[in-house]
N, C-alpha and C. Protein backbone atom coordinates (compact mmCIF):
# COMPACT_ATOMS: atom_id res chain seq x y z
N MET A 1 0.83 -1.21 0.00
CA MET A 1 0.00 0.00 0.00
C MET A 1 0.86 1.25 0.00
N SER A 2 1.99 1.18 0.74
CA SER A 2 2.84 2.35 0.84
C SER A 2 3.43 2.74 -0.50
N SER A 3 3.90 1.72 -1.27
CA SER A 3 4.49 2.02 -2.58
C SER A 3 3.43 2.56 -3.54
N THR A 4 2.21 2.00 -3.45
CA THR A 4 1.12 2.49 -4.30
C THR A 4 0.77 3.93 -3.95
N ALA A 5 0.70 4.22 -2.64
CA ALA A 5 0.40 5.59 -2.20
C ALA A 5 1.48 6.55 -2.65
N THR A 6 2.74 6.12 -2.54
CA THR A 6 3.86 6.97 -2.98
C THR A 6 3.76 7.26 -4.47
N GLY A 7 3.40 6.24 -5.25
CA GLY A 7 3.23 6.44 -6.69
C GLY A 7 2.14 7.43 -7.01
N ARG A 8 1.03 7.35 -6.29
CA ARG A 8 -0.06 8.31 -6.51
C ARG A 8 0.37 9.72 -6.14
N GLU A 9 1.13 9.84 -5.07
CA GLU A 9 1.58 11.16 -4.63
C GLU A 9 2.56 11.77 -5.63
N LEU A 10 3.47 10.94 -6.16
CA LEU A 10 4.40 11.44 -7.17
C LEU A 10 3.66 11.84 -8.44
N THR A 11 2.65 11.05 -8.81
CA THR A 11 1.84 11.39 -9.98
C THR A 11 1.08 12.70 -9.75
N LEU A 12 0.55 12.86 -8.54
CA LEU A 12 -0.15 14.11 -8.20
C LEU A 12 0.77 15.31 -8.36
N TRP A 13 1.98 15.21 -7.84
CA TRP A 13 2.92 16.33 -7.95
C TRP A 13 3.35 16.56 -9.39
N LYS A 14 3.56 15.48 -10.14
CA LYS A 14 3.98 15.63 -11.54
C LYS A 14 2.92 16.38 -12.35
N TRP A 15 1.68 15.91 -12.27
CA TRP A 15 0.62 16.57 -13.03
C TRP A 15 0.25 17.92 -12.45
N GLY A 16 0.39 18.04 -11.14
CA GLY A 16 0.15 19.34 -10.51
C GLY A 16 1.12 20.39 -10.99
N LEU A 17 2.41 20.03 -11.07
CA LEU A 17 3.42 20.98 -11.54
C LEU A 17 3.23 21.30 -13.02
N ILE A 18 2.84 20.29 -13.80
CA ILE A 18 2.55 20.54 -15.22
C ILE A 18 1.38 21.52 -15.36
N PHE A 19 0.33 21.29 -14.58
CA PHE A 19 -0.83 22.19 -14.62
C PHE A 19 -0.45 23.60 -14.22
N ILE A 20 0.32 23.74 -13.14
CA ILE A 20 0.73 25.07 -12.68
C ILE A 20 1.55 25.78 -13.74
N THR A 21 2.46 25.04 -14.40
CA THR A 21 3.30 25.63 -15.44
C THR A 21 2.46 26.12 -16.62
N VAL A 22 1.56 25.26 -17.11
CA VAL A 22 0.72 25.64 -18.25
C VAL A 22 -0.20 26.79 -17.89
N TRP A 23 -0.79 26.72 -16.70
CA TRP A 23 -1.69 27.78 -16.25
C TRP A 23 -0.97 29.11 -16.14
N SER A 24 0.26 29.08 -15.60
CA SER A 24 1.04 30.31 -15.45
C SER A 24 1.35 30.93 -16.81
N ILE A 25 1.72 30.08 -17.77
CA ILE A 25 2.01 30.58 -19.11
C ILE A 25 0.77 31.21 -19.74
N LEU A 26 -0.38 30.57 -19.55
CA LEU A 26 -1.62 31.07 -20.15
C LEU A 26 -2.02 32.42 -19.57
N TYR A 27 -1.98 32.56 -18.23
CA TYR A 27 -2.43 33.85 -17.71
C TYR A 27 -1.39 34.94 -17.93
N LEU A 28 -0.11 34.58 -18.03
CA LEU A 28 0.89 35.59 -18.38
C LEU A 28 0.67 36.09 -19.80
N ALA A 29 0.21 35.20 -20.67
CA ALA A 29 0.01 35.58 -22.07
C ALA A 29 -1.34 36.24 -22.33
N LEU A 30 -2.35 35.92 -21.51
CA LEU A 30 -3.71 36.35 -21.84
C LEU A 30 -4.35 37.31 -20.85
N ALA A 31 -3.92 37.29 -19.59
CA ALA A 31 -4.60 38.10 -18.57
C ALA A 31 -4.44 39.59 -18.87
N LYS A 32 -5.52 40.34 -18.66
CA LYS A 32 -5.46 41.78 -18.87
C LYS A 32 -4.67 42.45 -17.75
N GLU A 33 -3.86 43.41 -18.13
CA GLU A 33 -3.03 44.11 -17.15
C GLU A 33 -3.89 44.82 -16.10
N SER A 34 -4.98 45.44 -16.53
CA SER A 34 -5.85 46.17 -15.60
C SER A 34 -6.47 45.22 -14.56
N TRP A 35 -6.83 44.01 -15.00
CA TRP A 35 -7.42 43.04 -14.07
C TRP A 35 -6.39 42.57 -13.05
N ILE A 36 -5.16 42.33 -13.51
CA ILE A 36 -4.08 41.91 -12.60
C ILE A 36 -3.82 42.98 -11.55
N VAL A 37 -3.75 44.23 -12.00
CA VAL A 37 -3.51 45.34 -11.07
C VAL A 37 -4.63 45.43 -10.05
N ARG A 38 -5.87 45.26 -10.50
CA ARG A 38 -7.01 45.32 -9.58
C ARG A 38 -6.95 44.20 -8.54
N GLU A 39 -6.61 42.99 -8.97
CA GLU A 39 -6.53 41.86 -8.04
C GLU A 39 -5.43 42.08 -7.01
N ILE A 40 -4.28 42.58 -7.45
CA ILE A 40 -3.18 42.83 -6.53
C ILE A 40 -3.55 43.92 -5.53
N THR A 41 -4.19 44.98 -6.02
CA THR A 41 -4.61 46.07 -5.13
C THR A 41 -5.59 45.58 -4.08
N LEU A 42 -6.57 44.78 -4.49
CA LEU A 42 -7.55 44.25 -3.54
C LEU A 42 -6.90 43.32 -2.53
N GLU A 43 -5.94 42.53 -2.97
CA GLU A 43 -5.25 41.61 -2.05
C GLU A 43 -4.47 42.38 -1.00
N ARG A 44 -3.77 43.42 -1.42
CA ARG A 44 -2.99 44.21 -0.45
C ARG A 44 -3.90 44.97 0.50
N SER A 45 -5.02 45.45 -0.01
CA SER A 45 -5.99 46.12 0.88
C SER A 45 -6.51 45.14 1.92
N GLY A 46 -6.77 43.91 1.50
CA GLY A 46 -7.22 42.88 2.44
C GLY A 46 -6.17 42.55 3.47
N MET A 47 -4.91 42.53 3.06
CA MET A 47 -3.83 42.29 4.01
C MET A 47 -3.83 43.33 5.12
N HIS A 48 -3.92 44.58 4.74
CA HIS A 48 -3.90 45.66 5.73
C HIS A 48 -5.15 45.63 6.60
N ALA A 49 -6.30 45.30 6.00
CA ALA A 49 -7.55 45.32 6.75
C ALA A 49 -7.64 44.18 7.76
N ILE A 50 -7.15 43.00 7.39
CA ILE A 50 -7.32 41.82 8.25
C ILE A 50 -6.12 41.58 9.16
N LEU A 51 -4.92 41.72 8.63
CA LEU A 51 -3.72 41.44 9.42
C LEU A 51 -3.19 42.67 10.14
N GLY A 52 -3.63 43.84 9.72
CA GLY A 52 -3.16 45.07 10.35
C GLY A 52 -2.03 45.71 9.56
N ASP A 53 -1.87 47.01 9.75
CA ASP A 53 -0.86 47.75 9.01
C ASP A 53 0.56 47.32 9.38
N VAL A 54 0.76 46.92 10.63
CA VAL A 54 2.11 46.55 11.08
C VAL A 54 2.59 45.29 10.37
N ALA A 55 1.78 44.23 10.42
CA ALA A 55 2.16 42.96 9.80
C ALA A 55 2.26 43.10 8.28
N ALA A 56 1.26 43.76 7.67
CA ALA A 56 1.29 43.94 6.22
C ALA A 56 2.48 44.80 5.80
N GLY A 57 2.75 45.86 6.57
CA GLY A 57 3.89 46.71 6.26
C GLY A 57 5.21 45.98 6.40
N GLU A 58 5.29 45.09 7.38
CA GLU A 58 6.51 44.30 7.57
C GLU A 58 6.77 43.39 6.37
N ALA A 59 5.71 42.75 5.88
CA ALA A 59 5.86 41.87 4.71
C ALA A 59 6.24 42.67 3.47
N GLU A 60 5.60 43.82 3.27
CA GLU A 60 5.91 44.64 2.10
C GLU A 60 7.31 45.21 2.17
N ALA A 61 7.77 45.57 3.37
CA ALA A 61 9.13 46.08 3.52
C ALA A 61 10.15 44.99 3.21
N ALA A 62 9.88 43.77 3.67
CA ALA A 62 10.78 42.65 3.37
C ALA A 62 10.81 42.36 1.88
N ALA A 63 9.65 42.48 1.22
CA ALA A 63 9.59 42.26 -0.22
C ALA A 63 10.39 43.32 -0.97
N LYS A 64 10.26 44.57 -0.55
CA LYS A 64 11.02 45.64 -1.20
C LYS A 64 12.52 45.48 -0.99
N ALA A 65 12.91 44.95 0.17
CA ALA A 65 14.33 44.73 0.44
C ALA A 65 14.94 43.70 -0.52
N VAL A 66 14.09 42.81 -1.03
CA VAL A 66 14.54 41.83 -2.03
C VAL A 66 14.39 42.39 -3.43
N TRP A 67 13.27 43.06 -3.67
CA TRP A 67 12.90 43.49 -5.02
C TRP A 67 13.86 44.53 -5.59
N TYR A 68 14.12 45.59 -4.84
CA TYR A 68 14.90 46.70 -5.39
C TYR A 68 16.35 46.32 -5.67
N PRO A 69 17.08 45.70 -4.74
CA PRO A 69 18.47 45.34 -5.07
C PRO A 69 18.56 44.30 -6.18
N THR A 70 17.60 43.36 -6.22
CA THR A 70 17.69 42.25 -7.16
C THR A 70 17.23 42.62 -8.56
N PHE A 71 16.16 43.38 -8.68
CA PHE A 71 15.56 43.61 -9.99
C PHE A 71 15.59 45.06 -10.47
N VAL A 72 15.47 46.01 -9.55
CA VAL A 72 15.39 47.41 -9.97
C VAL A 72 16.78 48.02 -10.07
N ASN A 73 17.51 48.01 -8.96
CA ASN A 73 18.84 48.63 -8.95
C ASN A 73 19.83 47.92 -9.87
N SER A 74 19.60 46.64 -10.11
CA SER A 74 20.47 45.88 -11.01
C SER A 74 20.10 46.08 -12.48
N HIS A 75 19.03 46.84 -12.74
CA HIS A 75 18.56 47.16 -14.10
C HIS A 75 18.07 45.93 -14.87
N VAL A 76 17.70 44.87 -14.16
CA VAL A 76 17.17 43.68 -14.82
C VAL A 76 15.84 43.99 -15.50
N ILE A 77 14.97 44.72 -14.81
CA ILE A 77 13.67 45.07 -15.39
C ILE A 77 13.85 45.94 -16.62
N GLU A 78 14.71 46.94 -16.50
CA GLU A 78 14.96 47.84 -17.64
C GLU A 78 15.50 47.06 -18.83
N ALA A 79 16.41 46.13 -18.58
CA ALA A 79 16.98 45.34 -19.67
C ALA A 79 15.93 44.45 -20.33
N SER A 80 14.99 43.92 -19.53
CA SER A 80 13.96 43.05 -20.10
C SER A 80 13.08 43.82 -21.08
N TYR A 81 12.79 45.08 -20.78
CA TYR A 81 11.96 45.87 -21.70
C TYR A 81 12.74 46.19 -22.99
N ARG A 82 14.04 46.40 -22.86
CA ARG A 82 14.84 46.66 -24.07
C ARG A 82 14.91 45.43 -24.96
N ILE A 83 14.96 44.24 -24.32
CA ILE A 83 15.08 43.00 -25.09
C ILE A 83 13.76 42.63 -25.75
N PHE A 84 12.66 42.72 -25.01
CA PHE A 84 11.38 42.20 -25.49
C PHE A 84 10.50 43.24 -26.16
N THR A 85 10.90 44.50 -26.12
CA THR A 85 10.17 45.52 -26.88
C THR A 85 11.16 46.28 -27.75
N PRO A 86 11.75 45.60 -28.75
CA PRO A 86 12.79 46.23 -29.57
C PRO A 86 12.21 47.22 -30.56
N GLY A 87 13.10 48.00 -31.11
CA GLY A 87 12.74 48.89 -32.19
C GLY A 87 12.47 50.32 -31.79
N VAL A 88 12.32 50.60 -30.49
CA VAL A 88 11.97 51.95 -30.06
C VAL A 88 13.09 52.92 -30.37
N GLU A 89 14.35 52.49 -30.22
CA GLU A 89 15.47 53.41 -30.37
C GLU A 89 15.90 53.60 -31.82
N HIS A 90 15.49 52.68 -32.72
CA HIS A 90 16.10 52.68 -34.03
C HIS A 90 15.16 52.99 -35.19
N ASP A 91 13.87 52.89 -35.00
CA ASP A 91 13.01 53.05 -36.16
C ASP A 91 11.95 54.12 -35.96
N GLU A 92 12.25 55.12 -35.17
CA GLU A 92 11.28 56.19 -34.99
C GLU A 92 11.04 56.96 -36.29
N GLU A 93 12.03 56.99 -37.16
CA GLU A 93 11.89 57.73 -38.41
C GLU A 93 11.13 56.93 -39.47
N ASP A 94 10.99 55.68 -39.26
CA ASP A 94 10.30 54.85 -40.24
C ASP A 94 8.88 54.60 -39.76
N ALA A 95 7.95 55.43 -40.20
CA ALA A 95 6.57 55.34 -39.72
C ALA A 95 5.92 54.02 -40.11
N GLY A 96 6.26 53.49 -41.27
CA GLY A 96 5.66 52.23 -41.71
C GLY A 96 6.02 51.08 -40.80
N ILE A 97 7.30 50.97 -40.47
CA ILE A 97 7.74 49.89 -39.58
C ILE A 97 7.14 50.07 -38.20
N ASN A 98 7.09 51.32 -37.74
CA ASN A 98 6.51 51.58 -36.42
C ASN A 98 5.06 51.13 -36.36
N ARG A 99 4.29 51.45 -37.40
CA ARG A 99 2.88 51.03 -37.41
C ARG A 99 2.76 49.51 -37.43
N LEU A 100 3.70 48.85 -38.10
CA LEU A 100 3.65 47.40 -38.22
C LEU A 100 3.96 46.71 -36.89
N ILE A 101 4.98 47.20 -36.20
CA ILE A 101 5.42 46.50 -34.99
C ILE A 101 4.79 47.05 -33.71
N LYS A 102 4.06 48.18 -33.82
CA LYS A 102 3.49 48.76 -32.61
C LYS A 102 2.57 47.81 -31.85
N PRO A 103 1.66 47.06 -32.50
CA PRO A 103 0.82 46.12 -31.73
C PRO A 103 1.63 45.06 -31.00
N VAL A 104 2.67 44.55 -31.66
CA VAL A 104 3.52 43.54 -31.02
C VAL A 104 4.27 44.14 -29.85
N ARG A 105 4.78 45.35 -30.06
CA ARG A 105 5.52 46.03 -29.00
C ARG A 105 4.62 46.31 -27.80
N ASP A 106 3.40 46.77 -28.07
CA ASP A 106 2.47 47.06 -26.97
C ASP A 106 2.09 45.78 -26.23
N TRP A 107 1.86 44.69 -26.99
CA TRP A 107 1.51 43.42 -26.35
C TRP A 107 2.66 42.93 -25.47
N ALA A 108 3.89 43.01 -25.99
CA ALA A 108 5.05 42.55 -25.22
C ALA A 108 5.24 43.40 -23.96
N ALA A 109 5.04 44.71 -24.08
CA ALA A 109 5.17 45.58 -22.91
C ALA A 109 4.12 45.25 -21.86
N ALA A 110 2.88 44.99 -22.32
CA ALA A 110 1.81 44.64 -21.37
C ALA A 110 2.11 43.31 -20.68
N ARG A 111 2.65 42.34 -21.44
CA ARG A 111 2.98 41.04 -20.84
C ARG A 111 4.10 41.19 -19.81
N LEU A 112 5.06 42.04 -20.11
CA LEU A 112 6.13 42.29 -19.14
C LEU A 112 5.60 42.97 -17.89
N ASN A 113 4.69 43.91 -18.08
CA ASN A 113 4.08 44.57 -16.91
C ASN A 113 3.38 43.54 -16.02
N VAL A 114 2.64 42.63 -16.65
CA VAL A 114 1.95 41.58 -15.89
C VAL A 114 2.95 40.68 -15.19
N ALA A 115 3.99 40.26 -15.91
CA ALA A 115 4.97 39.33 -15.34
C ALA A 115 5.69 39.95 -14.14
N TRP A 116 6.14 41.19 -14.28
CA TRP A 116 6.87 41.82 -13.18
C TRP A 116 5.94 42.14 -12.01
N SER A 117 4.71 42.52 -12.29
CA SER A 117 3.75 42.78 -11.20
C SER A 117 3.47 41.52 -10.40
N LEU A 118 3.29 40.40 -11.11
CA LEU A 118 3.01 39.14 -10.42
C LEU A 118 4.23 38.62 -9.69
N LEU A 119 5.42 38.86 -10.24
CA LEU A 119 6.63 38.43 -9.54
C LEU A 119 6.79 39.19 -8.23
N TYR A 120 6.54 40.49 -8.27
CA TYR A 120 6.63 41.28 -7.03
C TYR A 120 5.58 40.81 -6.03
N GLN A 121 4.36 40.53 -6.52
CA GLN A 121 3.32 40.05 -5.61
C GLN A 121 3.67 38.69 -5.04
N LEU A 122 4.34 37.85 -5.83
CA LEU A 122 4.80 36.55 -5.32
C LEU A 122 5.78 36.73 -4.17
N ILE A 123 6.69 37.69 -4.31
CA ILE A 123 7.65 37.96 -3.24
C ILE A 123 6.93 38.46 -1.99
N VAL A 124 5.93 39.33 -2.18
CA VAL A 124 5.14 39.81 -1.04
C VAL A 124 4.44 38.64 -0.35
N ARG A 125 3.88 37.73 -1.13
CA ARG A 125 3.18 36.58 -0.56
C ARG A 125 4.14 35.68 0.22
N ILE A 126 5.33 35.47 -0.33
CA ILE A 126 6.31 34.64 0.37
C ILE A 126 6.72 35.30 1.69
N CYS A 127 6.93 36.61 1.65
CA CYS A 127 7.28 37.33 2.88
C CYS A 127 6.14 37.28 3.89
N MET A 128 4.90 37.39 3.40
CA MET A 128 3.74 37.27 4.29
C MET A 128 3.66 35.87 4.88
N LEU A 129 3.94 34.87 4.06
CA LEU A 129 3.94 33.49 4.55
C LEU A 129 5.00 33.30 5.63
N GLY A 130 6.14 33.99 5.47
CA GLY A 130 7.19 33.88 6.47
C GLY A 130 6.78 34.41 7.84
N LEU A 131 5.80 35.31 7.87
CA LEU A 131 5.34 35.83 9.16
C LEU A 131 4.60 34.78 9.98
N TRP A 132 4.18 33.71 9.32
CA TRP A 132 3.39 32.68 10.01
C TRP A 132 4.24 31.53 10.53
N TRP A 133 5.58 31.61 10.47
CA TRP A 133 6.38 30.45 10.83
C TRP A 133 6.25 30.10 12.31
N LYS A 134 6.11 31.10 13.18
CA LYS A 134 5.93 30.81 14.60
C LYS A 134 4.61 30.10 14.85
N PHE A 135 3.57 30.57 14.18
CA PHE A 135 2.27 29.90 14.29
C PHE A 135 2.37 28.46 13.79
N ALA A 136 3.12 28.27 12.69
CA ALA A 136 3.28 26.91 12.15
C ALA A 136 3.94 25.98 13.16
N MET A 137 4.98 26.47 13.84
CA MET A 137 5.66 25.65 14.83
C MET A 137 4.73 25.32 16.00
N VAL A 138 3.95 26.31 16.42
CA VAL A 138 3.03 26.11 17.55
C VAL A 138 1.97 25.06 17.21
N VAL A 139 1.58 24.98 15.95
CA VAL A 139 0.53 24.03 15.56
C VAL A 139 1.11 22.67 15.17
N ILE A 140 2.17 22.67 14.37
CA ILE A 140 2.69 21.42 13.82
C ILE A 140 3.34 20.54 14.89
N ILE A 141 4.16 21.13 15.75
CA ILE A 141 4.88 20.32 16.74
C ILE A 141 3.93 19.59 17.69
N PRO A 142 2.94 20.27 18.29
CA PRO A 142 2.00 19.52 19.15
C PRO A 142 1.24 18.43 18.40
N CYS A 143 0.87 18.69 17.15
CA CYS A 143 0.16 17.67 16.37
C CYS A 143 1.05 16.45 16.15
N ALA A 144 2.32 16.68 15.84
CA ALA A 144 3.24 15.56 15.64
C ALA A 144 3.45 14.77 16.93
N VAL A 145 3.64 15.48 18.04
CA VAL A 145 3.86 14.81 19.33
C VAL A 145 2.62 14.02 19.73
N ASP A 146 1.45 14.63 19.59
CA ASP A 146 0.21 13.94 19.96
C ASP A 146 -0.02 12.73 19.06
N GLY A 147 0.33 12.85 17.79
CA GLY A 147 0.20 11.70 16.89
C GLY A 147 1.09 10.55 17.31
N ILE A 148 2.32 10.86 17.73
CA ILE A 148 3.23 9.82 18.21
C ILE A 148 2.69 9.15 19.46
N VAL A 149 2.16 9.97 20.37
CA VAL A 149 1.59 9.42 21.61
C VAL A 149 0.40 8.51 21.29
N MET A 150 -0.48 8.95 20.40
CA MET A 150 -1.63 8.13 20.03
C MET A 150 -1.20 6.82 19.40
N ARG A 151 -0.17 6.86 18.58
CA ARG A 151 0.31 5.63 17.95
C ARG A 151 0.87 4.67 19.00
N LYS A 152 1.60 5.20 19.98
CA LYS A 152 2.13 4.36 21.05
C LYS A 152 1.00 3.73 21.86
N VAL A 153 -0.02 4.53 22.14
CA VAL A 153 -1.17 4.01 22.89
C VAL A 153 -1.85 2.89 22.11
N LYS A 154 -2.04 3.09 20.82
CA LYS A 154 -2.68 2.05 20.00
C LYS A 154 -1.82 0.79 19.93
N ALA A 155 -0.50 0.97 19.93
CA ALA A 155 0.39 -0.19 19.87
C ALA A 155 0.31 -1.03 21.13
N LEU A 156 -0.04 -0.43 22.26
CA LEU A 156 -0.09 -1.14 23.54
C LEU A 156 -1.50 -1.56 23.92
N THR A 157 -2.48 -1.16 23.14
CA THR A 157 -3.87 -1.50 23.43
C THR A 157 -4.49 -2.15 22.21
N PHE A 158 -5.79 -2.23 22.21
CA PHE A 158 -6.50 -2.81 21.08
C PHE A 158 -6.98 -1.74 20.10
N GLY A 159 -6.36 -0.57 20.17
CA GLY A 159 -6.71 0.49 19.24
C GLY A 159 -6.39 0.11 17.81
N ILE A 160 -7.23 0.52 16.89
CA ILE A 160 -7.08 0.13 15.49
C ILE A 160 -6.55 1.32 14.69
N ALA A 161 -5.49 1.06 13.93
CA ALA A 161 -4.97 2.06 13.00
C ALA A 161 -5.65 1.86 11.66
N SER A 162 -6.32 2.87 11.17
CA SER A 162 -7.08 2.75 9.93
C SER A 162 -6.19 3.01 8.72
N PRO A 163 -5.99 2.02 7.86
CA PRO A 163 -5.20 2.25 6.64
C PRO A 163 -5.83 3.30 5.73
N THR A 164 -7.16 3.33 5.70
CA THR A 164 -7.86 4.29 4.84
C THR A 164 -7.59 5.72 5.30
N VAL A 165 -7.72 5.94 6.62
CA VAL A 165 -7.45 7.27 7.17
C VAL A 165 -5.99 7.64 6.96
N TYR A 166 -5.10 6.67 7.16
CA TYR A 166 -3.66 6.92 6.99
C TYR A 166 -3.34 7.38 5.57
N VAL A 167 -3.86 6.66 4.58
CA VAL A 167 -3.56 7.00 3.19
C VAL A 167 -4.18 8.34 2.82
N ALA A 168 -5.43 8.57 3.25
CA ALA A 168 -6.09 9.84 2.94
C ALA A 168 -5.35 11.02 3.56
N ALA A 169 -4.94 10.86 4.83
CA ALA A 169 -4.20 11.94 5.50
C ALA A 169 -2.85 12.16 4.85
N ARG A 170 -2.20 11.08 4.46
CA ARG A 170 -0.91 11.20 3.80
C ARG A 170 -1.04 11.93 2.47
N HIS A 171 -2.06 11.59 1.71
CA HIS A 171 -2.29 12.30 0.44
C HIS A 171 -2.57 13.78 0.69
N ALA A 172 -3.34 14.07 1.74
CA ALA A 172 -3.63 15.48 2.07
C ALA A 172 -2.35 16.22 2.46
N MET A 173 -1.49 15.55 3.22
CA MET A 173 -0.25 16.18 3.66
C MET A 173 0.67 16.48 2.47
N VAL A 174 0.59 15.66 1.43
CA VAL A 174 1.38 15.88 0.22
C VAL A 174 0.69 16.87 -0.71
N GLY A 175 -0.64 16.81 -0.77
CA GLY A 175 -1.37 17.66 -1.71
C GLY A 175 -1.52 19.10 -1.27
N LEU A 176 -1.61 19.35 0.03
CA LEU A 176 -1.80 20.73 0.51
C LEU A 176 -0.62 21.64 0.17
N PRO A 177 0.65 21.19 0.29
CA PRO A 177 1.75 22.06 -0.17
C PRO A 177 1.67 22.37 -1.66
N LEU A 178 1.18 21.41 -2.46
CA LEU A 178 1.00 21.68 -3.89
C LEU A 178 -0.07 22.74 -4.10
N LEU A 179 -1.15 22.67 -3.31
CA LEU A 179 -2.18 23.70 -3.37
C LEU A 179 -1.62 25.05 -2.96
N ALA A 180 -0.77 25.06 -1.93
CA ALA A 180 -0.15 26.31 -1.50
C ALA A 180 0.71 26.91 -2.61
N LEU A 181 1.46 26.06 -3.32
CA LEU A 181 2.28 26.54 -4.44
C LEU A 181 1.40 27.12 -5.54
N LEU A 182 0.30 26.44 -5.83
CA LEU A 182 -0.63 26.94 -6.85
C LEU A 182 -1.18 28.31 -6.46
N LEU A 183 -1.54 28.48 -5.19
CA LEU A 183 -2.08 29.75 -4.74
C LEU A 183 -1.02 30.85 -4.75
N LEU A 184 0.21 30.50 -4.39
CA LEU A 184 1.29 31.49 -4.42
C LEU A 184 1.48 32.06 -5.82
N LEU A 185 1.34 31.21 -6.82
CA LEU A 185 1.55 31.64 -8.21
C LEU A 185 0.27 32.10 -8.89
N SER A 186 -0.82 32.12 -8.15
CA SER A 186 -2.11 32.46 -8.75
C SER A 186 -2.22 33.96 -9.01
N PRO A 187 -2.83 34.35 -10.14
CA PRO A 187 -3.02 35.78 -10.41
C PRO A 187 -4.21 36.37 -9.66
N ILE A 188 -5.07 35.52 -9.12
CA ILE A 188 -6.24 36.02 -8.40
C ILE A 188 -5.84 36.38 -6.97
N ARG A 189 -6.62 37.26 -6.35
CA ARG A 189 -6.30 37.68 -4.99
C ARG A 189 -6.52 36.53 -4.01
N ILE A 190 -5.63 36.45 -3.03
CA ILE A 190 -5.66 35.39 -2.03
C ILE A 190 -6.05 35.99 -0.69
N HIS A 191 -6.96 35.35 0.01
CA HIS A 191 -7.37 35.84 1.33
C HIS A 191 -6.19 35.76 2.29
N PRO A 192 -5.98 36.77 3.11
CA PRO A 192 -4.83 36.78 4.03
C PRO A 192 -4.80 35.61 5.01
N MET A 193 -5.96 35.01 5.30
CA MET A 193 -6.00 33.90 6.25
C MET A 193 -5.83 32.54 5.58
N THR A 194 -5.48 32.53 4.30
CA THR A 194 -5.28 31.27 3.60
C THR A 194 -4.10 30.50 4.18
N ALA A 195 -3.01 31.20 4.49
CA ALA A 195 -1.81 30.54 5.01
C ALA A 195 -2.08 29.78 6.30
N PRO A 196 -2.68 30.40 7.33
CA PRO A 196 -2.92 29.63 8.56
C PRO A 196 -3.89 28.48 8.36
N VAL A 197 -4.86 28.62 7.45
CA VAL A 197 -5.79 27.52 7.18
C VAL A 197 -5.04 26.33 6.60
N ILE A 198 -4.13 26.58 5.66
CA ILE A 198 -3.35 25.49 5.06
C ILE A 198 -2.41 24.89 6.10
N ILE A 199 -1.82 25.72 6.95
CA ILE A 199 -0.95 25.21 8.01
C ILE A 199 -1.71 24.27 8.94
N VAL A 200 -2.91 24.68 9.34
CA VAL A 200 -3.74 23.82 10.20
C VAL A 200 -4.10 22.53 9.47
N GLY A 201 -4.42 22.63 8.18
CA GLY A 201 -4.76 21.43 7.41
C GLY A 201 -3.59 20.46 7.33
N ILE A 202 -2.39 20.98 7.06
CA ILE A 202 -1.21 20.11 7.01
C ILE A 202 -0.93 19.50 8.37
N SER A 203 -1.10 20.28 9.43
CA SER A 203 -0.86 19.77 10.79
C SER A 203 -1.83 18.65 11.13
N ALA A 204 -3.11 18.85 10.78
CA ALA A 204 -4.10 17.81 11.04
C ALA A 204 -3.80 16.54 10.24
N ALA A 205 -3.38 16.73 8.98
CA ALA A 205 -3.03 15.57 8.16
C ALA A 205 -1.81 14.85 8.73
N LEU A 206 -0.83 15.61 9.23
CA LEU A 206 0.35 15.00 9.85
C LEU A 206 -0.05 14.20 11.08
N TRP A 207 -0.92 14.77 11.90
CA TRP A 207 -1.40 14.09 13.12
C TRP A 207 -2.07 12.77 12.77
N LEU A 208 -2.96 12.78 11.79
CA LEU A 208 -3.66 11.56 11.39
C LEU A 208 -2.70 10.55 10.77
N THR A 209 -1.74 11.03 9.99
CA THR A 209 -0.77 10.13 9.35
C THR A 209 0.04 9.38 10.40
N ILE A 210 0.53 10.11 11.40
CA ILE A 210 1.33 9.47 12.45
C ILE A 210 0.46 8.56 13.32
N ALA A 211 -0.71 9.05 13.71
CA ALA A 211 -1.57 8.29 14.63
C ALA A 211 -2.07 7.00 14.00
N HIS A 212 -2.26 6.98 12.69
CA HIS A 212 -2.80 5.78 12.03
C HIS A 212 -1.74 5.02 11.25
N PHE A 213 -0.48 5.32 11.53
CA PHE A 213 0.60 4.54 10.92
C PHE A 213 0.54 3.12 11.47
N ALA A 214 0.89 2.14 10.65
CA ALA A 214 0.79 0.74 11.06
C ALA A 214 1.51 0.50 12.38
N LYS A 215 0.84 -0.18 13.32
CA LYS A 215 1.37 -0.34 14.67
C LYS A 215 2.66 -1.16 14.69
N ARG A 216 2.82 -2.08 13.75
CA ARG A 216 3.99 -2.95 13.75
C ARG A 216 5.10 -2.42 12.86
N ALA A 217 4.90 -1.30 12.22
CA ALA A 217 5.91 -0.76 11.32
C ALA A 217 7.06 -0.17 12.10
């Protein structure tokens, strides 16, 4: 059963990563810039409203500490626009060529705007997720310890470890991080309380996985 469960989990991650990759390419190519900006603005407003200005400001400050030295001050963003929107410096005198390439240039510039906006928002989300590490430790460690205790009790008594619950919890423990990755890369706004909900879900799955692990294993 364990090898079969492992195979299903690897398959889940393989197809999950393929889906995330294809989905990311599609929304980078097709999503409207105005819609992306609106979603990001609403998400940040929600962060400040629910988590407070201090926590939200701390996450945004940490994101800026990464963003500006890595992408702005290093001129990476500026170089990307020069590479992917060519022709601005050399064909201003040729009105025919300008009219021909202007739609392509505008589309490429809009796609770059979307890509860089989402990358910055991804960094903000990662920094916001980092604020929850203490909460994660407070939840995960007791769940793991209690699961170990329950397994020991079942091993010494007539308690039954359910293979069905074990496999389901194990799949959840593997699948929830994949869901978290999908949400991190999502262009839609994410509720600020999503991170603690996923942490609690992973902790509960860990507890069930340990508690229902085979008693003789």
